[in-house]
Amino acid sequence: MEKSWKITLSDGTKLENLGLNGNNFISEAEITEDDFKGKLSKVIFEGKVEGKNFNQECNNMELVQIAHYEDGYYFVLREIPQEELDKLKMQSDIEYLAMMSDIDMEEGM
C-alpha cells in the first residue's frame, strides 16, 4: 500500500506517510484521540488519487474512530454537515437560555 497521504490539522500538526483504504487512513505510528482533540476545525488532506495530486481543505471535522490492527492504526475523520452544526448550536442556545432563566429542562421527563 502506498503511503503518500498527509493530513495537516488546524494547529499545524502533520500526520504523514499515511496509507488510505476506503475512508480509513492508516498510520504505522501510534494514533490516539488526543492527537486530534481541539485540532479539527480545519483539516487539509494531501495525497494521490489514481496518480493525480489531491488536495482538499475541510472544516469542522470529527474523529469517527481509531482501530489498531496488525498493520497499523486505522482512523476515520468526517466533516460535520452544516445542518448538524446548526442543530448543536440551537440546542446549546436553548440550554443557555434555560440556565439563565433558572428553568430545569430535565423536570417532567
Protein backbone atom coordinates (compact mmCIF):
# COMPACT_ATOMS: atom_id res chain seq x y z
CA MET A 1 0.00 0.00 0.00
CA GLU A 2 1.36 3.38 -1.00
CA LYS A 3 1.86 5.73 1.95
CA SER A 4 1.55 9.01 0.10
CA TRP A 5 -1.06 10.78 2.22
CA LYS A 6 -0.51 13.69 4.57
CA ILE A 7 -3.03 15.36 6.87
CA THR A 8 -2.44 18.79 8.39
CA LEU A 9 -4.57 19.64 11.43
CA SER A 10 -5.70 23.15 12.40
CA ASP A 11 -2.83 23.66 14.87
CA GLY A 12 -0.24 22.76 12.20
CA THR A 13 0.27 19.16 13.35
CA LYS A 14 1.15 16.97 10.38
CA LEU A 15 0.32 13.29 10.12
CA GLU A 16 2.49 11.94 7.30
CA ASN A 17 3.27 8.71 5.46
CA LEU A 18 -0.34 7.59 5.70
CA GLY A 19 -1.94 4.89 3.64
CA LEU A 20 -5.57 5.04 2.53
CA ASN A 21 -8.02 2.14 2.43
CA GLY A 22 -11.53 3.28 1.56
CA ASN A 23 -12.17 6.13 4.00
CA ASN A 24 -9.67 4.78 6.56
CA PHE A 25 -6.28 6.42 6.86
CA ILE A 26 -3.57 4.06 8.08
CA SER A 27 -0.56 5.07 10.16
CA GLU A 28 2.27 2.81 11.26
CA ALA A 29 2.89 5.29 14.11
CA GLU A 30 0.53 5.17 17.07
CA ILE A 31 -2.51 7.45 16.74
CA THR A 32 -4.76 8.35 19.70
CA GLU A 33 -7.81 10.55 20.24
CA ASP A 34 -5.54 13.07 21.98
CA ASP A 35 -3.74 13.62 18.66
CA PHE A 36 -6.95 15.18 17.29
CA LYS A 37 -8.52 16.96 20.31
CA GLY A 38 -9.15 20.62 19.56
CA LYS A 39 -7.38 20.35 16.19
CA LEU A 40 -10.17 19.54 13.75
CA SER A 41 -11.67 22.96 12.96
CA LYS A 42 -9.67 22.93 9.70
CA VAL A 43 -8.02 19.86 8.18
CA ILE A 44 -6.04 19.65 4.94
CA PHE A 45 -5.76 16.34 3.11
CA GLU A 46 -2.99 15.84 0.56
CA GLY A 47 -2.23 12.72 -1.41
CA LYS A 48 -2.52 10.98 -4.75
CA VAL A 49 -5.65 9.56 -6.33
CA GLU A 50 -5.14 7.48 -9.48
CA GLY A 51 -1.72 9.09 -9.97
CA LYS A 52 -3.01 12.67 -9.67
CA ASN A 53 -2.31 15.05 -6.79
CA PHE A 54 -5.25 15.57 -4.45
CA ASN A 55 -5.53 18.50 -2.03
CA GLN A 56 -8.68 19.31 -0.05
CA GLU A 57 -9.37 21.56 2.92
CA CYS A 58 -12.29 20.64 5.18
CA ASN A 59 -13.78 22.47 8.14
CA ASN A 60 -15.47 21.21 11.30
CA MET A 61 -14.21 17.66 11.19
CA GLU A 62 -14.66 14.98 13.82
CA LEU A 63 -12.86 11.77 14.61
CA VAL A 64 -15.19 8.86 13.95
CA GLN A 65 -12.98 6.00 15.14
CA ILE A 66 -9.49 4.67 15.64
CA ALA A 67 -8.76 0.96 15.41
CA HIS A 68 -5.41 -0.76 15.93
CA TYR A 69 -4.66 -3.70 13.69
CA GLU A 70 -1.53 -5.69 12.97
CA ASP A 71 -0.54 -3.41 10.07
CA GLY A 72 -1.19 -0.08 11.81
CA TYR A 73 -3.63 2.39 13.28
CA TYR A 74 -6.72 2.93 11.15
CA PHE A 75 -8.66 6.15 11.67
CA VAL A 76 -11.62 7.88 10.05
CA LEU A 77 -12.45 11.58 10.00
CA ARG A 78 -15.67 13.11 8.76
CA GLU A 79 -16.83 16.63 8.07
CA ILE A 80 -19.78 17.62 10.25
CA PRO A 81 -22.62 18.82 7.97
CA GLN A 82 -23.83 22.41 8.43
CA GLU A 83 -27.32 21.17 9.36
CA GLU A 84 -25.86 19.16 12.25
CA LEU A 85 -23.78 22.17 13.40
CA ASP A 86 -26.92 24.34 13.32
CA LYS A 87 -28.80 21.82 15.49
CA LEU A 88 -25.95 21.68 18.00
CA LYS A 89 -25.85 25.50 18.18
CA MET A 90 -29.63 25.68 18.66
CA GLN A 91 -29.53 23.08 21.45
CA SER A 92 -26.70 24.96 23.13
CA ASP A 93 -28.66 28.23 22.89
CA ILE A 94 -31.75 26.59 24.41
CA GLU A 95 -29.75 25.13 27.29
CA TYR A 96 -28.11 28.51 27.93
CA LEU A 97 -31.47 30.33 27.97
CA ALA A 98 -32.91 27.70 30.30
CA MET A 99 -29.95 28.06 32.65
CA MET A 100 -30.18 31.86 32.63
CA SER A 101 -33.95 31.65 33.29
CA ASP A 102 -33.45 29.05 36.04
CA ILE A 103 -35.59 26.51 34.17
CA ASP A 104 -34.92 22.82 34.80
CA MET A 105 -35.09 21.14 31.38
CA GLU A 106 -34.92 17.67 32.99
CA GLU A 107 -38.07 18.23 35.05
CA GLY A 108 -41.08 16.24 33.92
CA MET A 109 -39.10 13.94 31.65
